[in-house]
Structures are given as C-alpha cells and as structure tokens.
Protein backbone atom coordinates (compact mmCIF):
# COMPACT_ATOMS: atom_id res chain seq x y z
CA MET A 1 0.00 0.00 0.00
CA SER A 2 1.41 3.36 -1.00
CA VAL A 3 1.97 6.28 1.38
CA PHE A 4 -0.70 8.20 -0.52
CA GLN A 5 -3.24 5.39 0.00
CA CYS A 6 -2.45 5.25 3.73
CA LEU A 7 -2.97 8.98 4.09
CA LEU A 8 -6.22 8.79 2.13
CA ILE A 9 -7.58 6.01 4.37
CA ARG A 10 -6.58 7.96 7.49
CA LEU A 11 -8.22 11.12 6.17
CA CYS A 12 -11.44 9.24 5.40
CA GLY A 13 -11.46 7.83 8.91
CA ILE A 14 -11.13 11.28 10.43
CA CYS A 15 -13.95 12.60 8.23
CA CYS A 16 -16.20 9.69 9.18
CA PHE A 17 -15.55 10.27 12.89
CA SER A 18 -16.29 13.96 12.48
CA MET A 19 -19.60 13.20 10.76
CA LEU A 20 -20.56 10.75 13.51
CA ALA A 21 -19.63 13.30 16.16
CA CYS A 22 -21.94 15.85 14.54
CA THR A 23 -24.72 13.32 14.13
CA PHE A 24 -24.74 12.24 17.78
CA GLY A 25 -24.07 15.64 19.32
CA TYR A 26 -20.50 14.95 20.45
CA THR A 27 -17.97 17.77 20.42
CA GLN A 28 -14.27 17.64 19.65
CA GLU A 29 -13.55 20.68 21.80
CA LYS A 30 -11.49 20.17 24.93
CA PRO A 31 -13.33 20.37 28.31
CA GLY A 32 -11.52 23.58 29.23
CA ASP A 33 -12.51 25.19 25.94
CA LEU A 34 -16.13 24.17 26.47
CA GLU A 35 -16.18 25.67 29.95
CA LYS A 36 -14.68 28.91 28.68
CA LYS A 37 -17.18 29.06 25.83
CA ALA A 38 -20.11 28.35 28.18
CA MET A 39 -18.99 31.03 30.63
CA GLU A 40 -18.62 33.61 27.87
CA ILE A 41 -22.10 32.83 26.55
CA HIS A 42 -23.65 32.77 30.02
CA ARG A 43 -22.20 36.16 30.92
CA ALA A 44 -23.13 37.70 27.56
CA VAL A 45 -26.82 36.75 27.34
CA LEU A 46 -29.63 38.09 29.52
CA THR A 47 -30.37 35.41 32.12
CA ILE A 48 -33.77 35.48 33.83
CA ASP A 49 -35.24 32.94 36.27
CA SER A 50 -39.03 33.08 35.97
CA HIS A 51 -39.92 31.69 39.39
CA THR A 52 -38.42 31.78 42.88
CA ASP A 53 -40.03 31.80 46.32
CA THR A 54 -37.32 33.99 47.81
CA PRO A 55 -39.79 36.45 49.44
CA LEU A 56 -40.61 33.67 51.93
CA ARG A 57 -36.97 33.97 53.05
CA LEU A 58 -37.06 37.76 53.00
CA MET A 59 -39.80 37.58 55.62
CA GLN A 60 -37.43 35.85 58.05
CA LYS A 61 -36.04 38.12 60.72
CA GLY A 62 -32.39 38.92 60.14
CA PHE A 63 -32.13 37.57 56.61
CA ASN A 64 -29.88 39.85 54.55
CA MET A 65 -30.03 39.63 50.75
CA ALA A 66 -26.72 41.52 50.50
CA GLU A 67 -24.84 38.72 52.28
CA THR A 68 -23.72 35.35 50.91
CA HIS A 69 -25.53 32.45 52.56
CA ASP A 70 -24.76 28.73 52.73
CA SER A 71 -27.53 26.87 50.92
CA ARG A 72 -26.69 23.55 52.61
CA LYS A 73 -26.82 24.94 56.15
CA GLU A 74 -29.29 27.83 55.90
CA TYR A 75 -31.68 26.31 53.33
CA THR A 76 -31.66 29.48 51.22
CA LYS A 77 -30.95 29.36 47.50
CA ILE A 78 -30.79 33.02 46.49
CA ASP A 79 -29.12 36.23 47.60
CA PHE A 80 -27.69 39.07 45.53
CA PRO A 81 -24.00 38.02 45.85
CA ARG A 82 -24.80 34.45 44.76
CA MET A 83 -26.91 35.76 41.86
CA LYS A 84 -23.84 37.65 40.67
CA GLN A 85 -21.60 34.62 41.26
CA GLY A 86 -23.89 32.38 39.21
CA GLY A 87 -24.37 34.94 36.46
CA LEU A 88 -28.12 35.35 36.98
CA ASP A 89 -29.17 38.80 35.80
CA GLY A 90 -32.72 38.73 37.11
CA ALA A 91 -35.37 36.66 38.81
CA PHE A 92 -39.09 36.76 39.44
CA PHE A 93 -39.78 36.88 43.17
CA ALA A 94 -43.13 35.25 43.96
CA VAL A 95 -45.75 36.91 46.12
CA PHE A 96 -46.98 33.50 47.25
CA VAL A 97 -50.12 32.91 49.29
CA SER A 98 -51.19 29.42 50.32
CA GLN A 99 -54.76 28.35 49.59
CA GLY A 100 -57.22 28.81 52.44
CA LEU A 101 -60.90 29.34 53.07
CA ARG A 102 -63.02 31.16 50.51
CA ASN A 103 -65.07 33.76 52.34
CA PRO A 104 -64.89 37.56 52.75
CA GLU A 105 -62.81 37.37 55.94
CA ALA A 106 -60.29 35.02 54.37
CA TYR A 107 -60.07 37.14 51.20
CA GLU A 108 -59.28 40.23 53.29
CA LYS A 109 -56.64 38.31 55.25
CA VAL A 110 -54.92 37.00 52.13
CA ARG A 111 -55.02 40.45 50.50
CA LYS A 112 -53.15 41.87 53.49
CA ARG A 113 -50.66 39.01 53.29
CA ALA A 114 -50.00 39.81 49.63
CA GLU A 115 -49.55 43.50 50.45
CA LEU A 116 -47.04 42.60 53.17
CA LEU A 117 -45.02 40.54 50.69
CA PHE A 118 -45.03 43.37 48.15
CA ASP A 119 -43.90 45.75 50.91
CA THR A 120 -41.14 43.36 51.92
CA ILE A 121 -39.80 43.08 48.37
CA ASP A 122 -39.90 46.87 47.98
CA ALA A 123 -38.04 47.35 51.27
CA VAL A 124 -35.32 44.82 50.45
CA VAL A 125 -34.75 46.25 46.98
CA GLY A 126 -34.75 49.76 48.43
CA ARG A 127 -32.10 48.85 51.00
CA ASN A 128 -29.93 47.33 48.28
CA HIS A 129 -30.32 49.88 45.50
CA ASN A 130 -26.62 49.56 44.66
CA LEU A 131 -27.10 45.83 44.00
CA ALA A 132 -30.60 45.46 42.54
CA GLU A 133 -33.69 47.29 41.35
CA LEU A 134 -37.29 46.43 40.64
CA ALA A 135 -37.83 45.59 36.97
CA LEU A 136 -41.17 46.14 35.27
CA CYS A 137 -40.38 45.26 31.65
CA PRO A 138 -37.62 43.74 29.51
CA ALA A 139 -35.96 47.13 28.93
CA ASP A 140 -35.41 47.45 32.69
CA ALA A 141 -33.62 44.10 32.80
CA VAL A 142 -31.36 45.06 29.88
CA ARG A 143 -30.48 48.37 31.51
CA LEU A 144 -29.75 46.80 34.89
CA LYS A 145 -27.48 44.19 33.32
CA LYS A 146 -25.41 47.01 31.82
CA GLU A 147 -25.27 48.64 35.27
CA ASN A 148 -24.14 45.33 36.84
CA LYS A 149 -27.25 45.19 39.02
CA ARG A 150 -29.74 42.36 39.53
CA ALA A 151 -33.27 42.77 38.15
CA VAL A 152 -36.06 41.83 40.57
CA PHE A 153 -39.31 41.06 38.78
CA ILE A 154 -42.46 40.14 40.71
CA GLY A 155 -45.05 37.45 40.08
CA VAL A 156 -48.08 36.51 42.19
CA GLU A 157 -48.31 32.78 42.91
CA ASN A 158 -51.89 31.65 43.47
CA GLY A 159 -54.82 33.68 42.16
CA TYR A 160 -56.36 33.22 45.60
CA ALA A 161 -54.59 36.53 46.34
CA ILE A 162 -57.27 38.41 44.38
CA GLY A 163 -60.15 36.69 46.17
CA LYS A 164 -63.24 37.66 44.18
CA ASP A 165 -62.05 41.21 43.47
CA LEU A 166 -61.01 41.71 39.83
CA SER A 167 -59.71 45.21 40.62
CA LEU A 168 -56.83 43.65 42.57
CA ILE A 169 -55.33 42.48 39.27
CA SER A 170 -54.55 46.06 38.25
CA THR A 171 -53.61 46.88 41.86
CA TYR A 172 -50.96 44.15 41.85
CA TYR A 173 -49.84 45.17 38.37
CA LEU A 174 -49.24 48.72 39.58
CA ARG A 175 -47.24 47.31 42.48
CA GLY A 176 -44.95 45.60 39.97
CA ALA A 177 -46.41 42.13 39.43
CA ARG A 178 -46.16 40.89 35.85
CA TYR A 179 -47.80 37.49 36.14
CA ILE A 180 -50.31 35.63 38.27
CA THR A 181 -50.12 31.86 38.72
CA LEU A 182 -53.85 31.13 38.64
CA CYS A 183 -53.87 28.52 41.41
CA HIS A 184 -51.51 26.46 43.57
CA THR A 185 -51.82 22.93 44.98
CA LYS A 186 -55.56 23.22 45.60
CA ASN A 187 -58.56 24.48 43.65
CA ASN A 188 -59.69 28.08 44.07
CA ASP A 189 -62.41 30.32 42.66
CA ILE A 190 -60.55 30.70 39.38
CA CYS A 191 -59.77 27.15 38.27
CA ASP A 192 -58.92 23.59 39.21
CA SER A 193 -55.45 22.60 40.36
CA SER A 194 -53.43 19.75 38.87
CA THR A 195 -53.11 18.23 42.34
CA ASP A 196 -56.72 18.45 43.54
CA SER A 197 -60.01 16.81 42.63
CA THR A 198 -62.28 18.28 39.94
CA GLU A 199 -64.44 21.16 41.13
CA ASN A 200 -64.86 23.70 38.33
CA ASN A 201 -64.21 21.29 35.46
CA GLY A 202 -61.41 23.59 34.39
CA LEU A 203 -61.76 27.36 34.33
CA SER A 204 -64.70 28.74 36.33
CA LYS A 205 -67.01 31.53 35.15
CA PHE A 206 -65.09 33.89 37.42
CA GLY A 207 -61.87 32.45 35.99
CA TYR A 208 -62.81 33.56 32.49
CA GLU A 209 -63.31 37.07 33.85
CA VAL A 210 -59.90 36.90 35.52
CA VAL A 211 -58.15 35.87 32.31
CA GLN A 212 -59.91 38.60 30.36
CA GLU A 213 -58.92 41.25 32.91
CA MET A 214 -55.32 40.02 32.95
CA ASN A 215 -55.24 40.37 29.16
CA HIS A 216 -56.58 43.91 29.48
CA VAL A 217 -54.14 44.94 32.21
CA GLY A 218 -51.03 43.38 30.67
CA MET A 219 -50.54 40.69 33.31
CA MET A 220 -49.12 37.40 32.01
CA VAL A 221 -51.28 34.34 32.66
CA ASP A 222 -49.18 31.68 34.42
CA VAL A 223 -50.50 28.16 33.89
CA SER A 224 -48.12 26.23 36.16
CA HIS A 225 -49.96 24.22 38.85
CA ILE A 226 -53.32 24.27 37.03
CA SER A 227 -55.18 21.20 35.75
CA ASP A 228 -54.99 20.07 32.12
CA LYS A 229 -58.62 21.06 31.54
CA SER A 230 -58.04 24.49 33.08
CA LEU A 231 -55.09 25.00 30.74
CA ALA A 232 -57.07 23.90 27.69
CA ASP A 233 -59.85 26.35 28.61
CA ILE A 234 -57.39 29.22 28.98
CA LEU A 235 -55.64 28.52 25.68
CA ALA A 236 -59.01 28.56 23.92
CA TYR A 237 -59.92 31.92 25.47
CA THR A 238 -56.85 34.11 26.08
CA LYS A 239 -55.93 36.79 23.56
CA VAL A 240 -52.21 36.64 24.40
CA PRO A 241 -49.47 34.03 24.91
CA VAL A 242 -49.31 32.32 28.30
CA ILE A 243 -46.37 31.19 30.41
CA ALA A 244 -45.79 28.13 32.56
CA SER A 245 -43.39 29.77 35.01
CA HIS A 246 -42.06 26.52 36.51
CA SER A 247 -43.13 23.24 34.88
CA CYS A 248 -41.49 20.10 33.45
CA ALA A 249 -42.23 17.50 30.76
CA LYS A 250 -44.58 14.69 31.79
CA ALA A 251 -43.07 12.37 29.18
CA LEU A 252 -39.85 12.30 31.22
CA CYS A 253 -41.36 12.43 34.72
CA ASP A 254 -44.99 11.37 35.19
CA ASN A 255 -45.96 13.89 37.85
CA PRO A 256 -49.38 15.64 37.80
CA ARG A 257 -47.57 18.98 37.96
CA ASN A 258 -45.84 18.30 34.64
CA LEU A 259 -47.10 18.99 31.12
CA SER A 260 -47.93 16.40 28.47
CA ASP A 261 -46.52 16.67 24.96
CA GLU A 262 -49.99 17.67 23.78
CA LEU A 263 -50.03 20.62 26.17
CA LEU A 264 -46.42 21.59 25.39
CA LEU A 265 -47.38 21.80 21.74
CA ALA A 266 -50.58 23.70 22.54
CA ILE A 267 -48.63 26.33 24.50
CA ALA A 268 -46.22 26.67 21.59
CA LYS A 269 -49.12 27.19 19.16
CA ASN A 270 -50.42 29.86 21.54
CA GLY A 271 -47.03 31.60 21.26
CA GLY A 272 -46.28 31.00 24.92
CA VAL A 273 -43.30 29.63 26.80
CA ILE A 274 -42.67 26.71 29.17
CA GLN A 275 -40.11 27.53 31.85
CA MET A 276 -38.24 24.39 32.93
CA CYS A 277 -38.49 23.80 36.70
CA ILE A 278 -35.56 22.22 38.57
CA LEU A 279 -37.45 20.86 41.57
CA SER A 280 -36.03 17.34 41.68
CA ASP A 281 -39.32 15.46 42.14
CA TYR A 282 -40.63 17.06 38.93
CA VAL A 283 -37.43 16.37 37.01
CA LYS A 284 -36.95 12.70 37.86
CA THR A 285 -39.27 10.28 39.62
CA PRO A 286 -37.75 9.82 43.09
CA LEU A 287 -36.65 6.39 44.26
CA PRO A 288 -39.02 4.69 46.74
CA ASN A 289 -38.34 5.79 50.32
CA PRO A 290 -41.30 4.79 52.56
CA ALA A 291 -39.72 6.16 55.73
CA ARG A 292 -39.09 9.54 54.12
CA ASP A 293 -42.56 9.64 52.59
CA SER A 294 -44.17 8.81 55.93
CA ALA A 295 -42.17 11.45 57.78
CA ARG A 296 -43.02 14.08 55.16
CA ALA A 297 -46.70 13.16 55.31
CA ALA A 298 -46.64 13.56 59.10
CA VAL A 299 -45.18 17.07 58.81
CA ARG A 300 -47.74 18.01 56.16
CA LYS A 301 -50.57 16.76 58.37
CA LYS A 302 -49.24 18.53 61.46
CA PHE A 303 -49.03 21.85 59.62
CA HIS A 304 -52.27 21.49 57.63
CA ASP A 305 -50.44 21.02 54.32
CA PHE A 306 -48.74 24.40 54.99
CA ASP A 307 -51.98 26.28 54.31
CA GLY A 308 -52.92 29.39 56.27
CA LEU A 309 -49.81 29.41 58.51
CA ASN A 310 -48.51 32.59 60.11
CA ASP A 311 -44.81 33.47 59.96
CA GLU A 312 -43.85 31.67 63.18
CA GLU A 313 -45.80 28.54 62.23
CA MET A 314 -44.20 28.55 58.78
CA LYS A 315 -40.74 28.91 60.33
CA LEU A 316 -41.38 25.89 62.56
CA ALA A 317 -42.86 23.90 59.68
CA ARG A 318 -39.84 24.65 57.50
CA LYS A 319 -37.51 23.57 60.30
CA GLU A 320 -39.27 20.23 60.70
CA TRP A 321 -39.47 19.69 56.94
CA ASN A 322 -35.75 20.34 56.57
CA GLY A 323 -35.14 18.01 59.51
CA VAL A 324 -36.85 15.21 57.59
CA ASN A 325 -34.66 15.96 54.57
CA GLU A 326 -31.55 15.70 56.73
CA LEU A 327 -32.69 12.45 58.34
CA PHE A 328 -33.68 10.90 55.02
CA PRO A 329 -31.48 12.55 52.37
CA GLN A 330 -32.93 12.40 48.87
CA LYS A 331 -30.97 11.38 45.80
CA LEU A 332 -31.51 14.44 43.66
CA ALA A 333 -31.83 14.69 39.91
CA ASN A 334 -28.87 16.40 38.24
CA VAL A 335 -28.16 19.06 35.63
CA SER A 336 -28.05 16.45 32.86
CA ASP A 337 -31.58 15.35 33.83
CA VAL A 338 -32.71 18.99 33.69
CA VAL A 339 -31.34 19.45 30.19
CA ASP A 340 -32.96 16.17 29.13
CA HIS A 341 -36.26 17.95 29.81
CA ILE A 342 -35.12 21.03 27.91
CA ASP A 343 -34.11 18.81 24.99
CA HIS A 344 -37.53 17.17 25.01
CA MET A 345 -39.40 20.47 25.25
CA VAL A 346 -37.37 21.92 22.39
CA LYS A 347 -38.07 18.83 20.29
CA VAL A 348 -41.84 19.04 20.94
CA ALA A 349 -42.51 22.79 21.29
CA GLY A 350 -39.55 24.36 19.50
CA ILE A 351 -36.59 26.46 20.64
CA ASN A 352 -38.76 29.62 20.77
CA HIS A 353 -40.98 28.25 23.53
CA VAL A 354 -38.66 27.02 26.29
CA GLY A 355 -37.12 28.80 29.29
CA ILE A 356 -36.01 28.26 32.89
CA GLY A 357 -37.89 28.82 36.16
CA THR A 358 -36.01 27.16 39.01
CA ASP A 359 -38.48 27.30 41.94
CA PHE A 360 -35.50 28.09 44.17
CA ASP A 361 -36.51 28.65 47.81
CA GLY A 362 -39.68 26.72 47.03
CA GLY A 363 -38.08 23.30 46.69
CA GLY A 364 -36.00 23.80 43.54
CA GLY A 365 -32.44 22.54 43.30
CA VAL A 366 -30.60 19.60 41.73
CA GLU A 367 -27.09 18.22 41.92
CA GLY A 368 -24.87 20.58 39.98
CA CYS A 369 -27.35 23.45 40.32
CA PHE A 370 -28.30 23.33 43.98
CA ASP A 371 -28.50 27.08 44.35
CA VAL A 372 -28.24 30.21 42.22
CA SER A 373 -24.43 30.31 42.39
CA GLU A 374 -24.31 27.25 40.10
CA MET A 375 -26.55 28.48 37.27
CA GLU A 376 -23.69 28.44 34.75
CA ASN A 377 -23.68 24.64 34.91
CA ILE A 378 -26.96 24.54 33.01
CA THR A 379 -25.42 26.66 30.27
CA LEU A 380 -22.36 24.38 30.22
CA GLU A 381 -24.56 21.32 29.69
CA LEU A 382 -26.44 23.13 26.90
CA VAL A 383 -23.14 23.99 25.20
CA LYS A 384 -21.97 20.37 25.52
CA ARG A 385 -25.13 19.30 23.69
CA GLY A 386 -24.55 21.67 20.81
CA TYR A 387 -26.93 24.54 21.61
CA SER A 388 -25.83 27.78 19.96
CA LYS A 389 -25.42 31.13 21.67
CA ASN A 390 -28.68 32.30 20.12
CA ASP A 391 -30.48 29.17 21.34
CA ILE A 392 -29.17 29.75 24.85
CA ARG A 393 -30.12 33.42 24.71
CA LYS A 394 -33.71 32.37 23.99
CA ILE A 395 -33.80 29.74 26.74
CA TRP A 396 -32.25 31.98 29.40
CA GLY A 397 -34.72 34.83 29.00
CA GLY A 398 -35.27 35.81 25.41
CA ASN A 399 -38.43 33.76 24.98
CA LEU A 400 -39.93 34.95 28.27
CA MET A 401 -39.14 38.60 27.50
CA ARG A 402 -40.77 38.19 24.07
CA VAL A 403 -43.98 37.01 25.74
CA MET A 404 -43.87 39.93 28.19
CA GLU A 405 -43.60 42.37 25.31
CA LYS A 406 -46.44 40.71 23.39
CA VAL A 407 -48.73 40.75 26.44
CA ASP A 408 -47.98 44.43 26.98
CA LYS A 409 -48.55 45.24 23.29
CA VAL A 410 -52.04 43.75 23.44
CA ALA A 411 -52.75 45.59 26.69
CA GLN A 412 -51.81 48.88 25.04
CA LYS A 413 -54.87 48.46 22.86
CA TYR A 414 -56.79 48.96 26.09
CA LYS A 415 -54.75 52.13 26.68
CA LEU A 416 -52.40 50.52 29.22
CA SER A 417 -48.63 50.73 28.94
CA CYS A 418 -45.58 48.93 30.24
CA ARG A 419 -44.68 51.64 32.82
CA CYS A 420 -40.95 50.96 32.65
CA ASN A 421 -38.55 52.38 35.23
CA GLY A 422 -35.89 53.19 32.67
C-alpha cells in the first residue's frame, strides 16, 4: 500500500468520525474550551429565572439579601452576591399565598398578606439599591445588566390573592407584578389545580373574567400548577401568549404537575413559553423511600399542608421539613436530567418556547445546580449538547421577554402601557 493510500484512508477515517460526532451531538472541543465558551455565553446573554419563592426567606427576621448564605446549612438558595456569582441577571420573586378558606374574611386576610409581601420586596430592593432594582419590563432588565445590578421582577403565585375582586389584578400590576399563577396545589375560585379533585371542570365563570382582565391589564397568565382542563380552557380563550413559570415535561417524569406533549405543543401554538423547573421530584421520579414519605406526610398533616400558617408557624414547619430531609437525604436529579427535559421540550414545542424557572426557595435545586451560584452549569450542559449562543439566549430569558412584550402590546390596545422604570 502506498503512502498516498495510507494517508487517504486515514483522512477518510477522520472525516467519518467527524460526521458521527456531529450526528450524535459529540464535540471535539477540549473540556476547558467548552467551559470557557459556556462562561462567555452565560455572561453575555440576559439570564432570567421566571420563578423563585425567595420572598418567603425575606420575611425571616435577620435575613440579609446583601450577604452570601450557605444553601446547605441555611436552606436558602438566592441572595444578591450568589446571583452575581452564578451569572443570573434577574429573577421573578413570587408573592406567594397558600390556599385557604373562601369567604370575605379570608379574602381580606390574604389580601393583606400579599400587600405585606409586596412591601417586603420593595423594602429589600430599596435597601440594596446599589445591587438590585425592581424591573417592570424587559428594557429594565437590559439596563440593569449594563449597570451590573440584579433585576427583581415580581409574580403573584396563586390567584387566591385576588379573592373575588377583579380590581386587585390592576392593583398588583401597579405594584410591579407581571404574572399571576392562577392557582396552587388546591382548587380556588378561578380554576382547578393539577393536584386536587375536579371542582370547576377547568376554568370557572369567574376564571374567564380573571383571564380577560389580565389580558386587558397586561398581566401574564401563568398556567403552572393548574389542571390540564383548566389550561385547555385558557388557551381557547386568552388573547395573548401564556407562560408556565415553573413546569417540566410529563413524558420524562410522570408527575401531575408536569405537562404532556400535547399541552407543550398547545402552549407553543399559543405563542407562549414553558419555563423548565428544577425541583427534583418534577425532574426525575424519586426512588421509593417509605420512611421519608411517611415522615413528610406527618409534617404536612401537622401543619395542615402548609396552608394558612402565620410566619412563626411557617418557620417551625420549614424547620421540621428540613429536619426530615436531613434524616432521610434524597438522591436528587442532576443538571443532565434537567437538560434532558429542555431537549424534550425543544423537540416538541420548539426552541422559541422554552425557558427556565427554578423554583429556588420553594423546593427547587438539583445536583450541579443546587442554588443560584451554580446556574452556569446549566449553560455548560447546553453547550456540551450543541446549543448555539442564540439558542441559549432564547432559553435563558429571550423567549420569556418576548412574551412579556407581546402581552404588553395587546394591553396597550386597552390604553395601558408597560410603565418601565428606565
């Protein structure tokens, strides 16, 4: 065999390997080069987390958002220094209210609770103006990134916060809220929950009024937590794209909180976006652990499923819940599992309809992205799988910001505007 023939065979082998590498998503870049590339992309694009329950931590006496906390010891996943460390430009802080009774007294109580949470967010942001500001629209987030500050968006989790008063939708909008998650783990006056029995058979009559008013005001409709029928009703009625602020793919983890391929595709056709949640139980079906399950059930029963608790009761409940987690440590899903869901969502719904909503401080966290300081690891896994910078820009905030702008554009027809800070 001639030297020329040997070289030709070797060249063909290299070409074949290269084609196989492209076909199966492998990369020939060195690990160090991949990490550098991922970091450059992560720091360049606008990164927004669409759902965190951090205000529950802000309510704790002595908690300082300007200090770095230990997520393993203090059970907190977000503070401003760790947001900077993990390259997270902005996050939606949830004004969360647990589902309770449905009567005038309860509605007044929950309204005051929501106001207190808004006040708390305002106070924390005000005390840390050099580190963060309230963001009301995409332009605010872009400006704050340039100023090296964190953007704090607000969402309301559980439409129970409006009671039966539609005017509270515009009230919360004016206080900075840009979405309302229509329900939580139980049914309310608006719609049925994915984790409760059927009551309204989807969206209630009042629920249709709520969706219409949210469209008029410019408030994004968040469909996480709601039942499949509720979601179908909303998609058939809303005039604007919806968001699922923290949901996963049911095809990969059969949890009632997750979305079927049919619903993923329906949200995409609506123009909306599904924000991938990294709460481990929604990412990967947990291994059987009867002792852990029994202990968790006992804590839930003792604290009435965490509904209607005051601050001291919630503090005690959280302590006991974390105690169970320490006694029976859970094998968490990992970043690769998270990106498996993103891959699946992109395959079903398309790259323009997928984002990230961690549910940090509300149970979110996986191995490799246990708190906000490790957010770059998701980008690294995306880069390893061949996602481009533009793809990653869409996933890390571009798609969500597009929906915000579209919702506001429709609202402007009703003579409402974005009311940006900047």
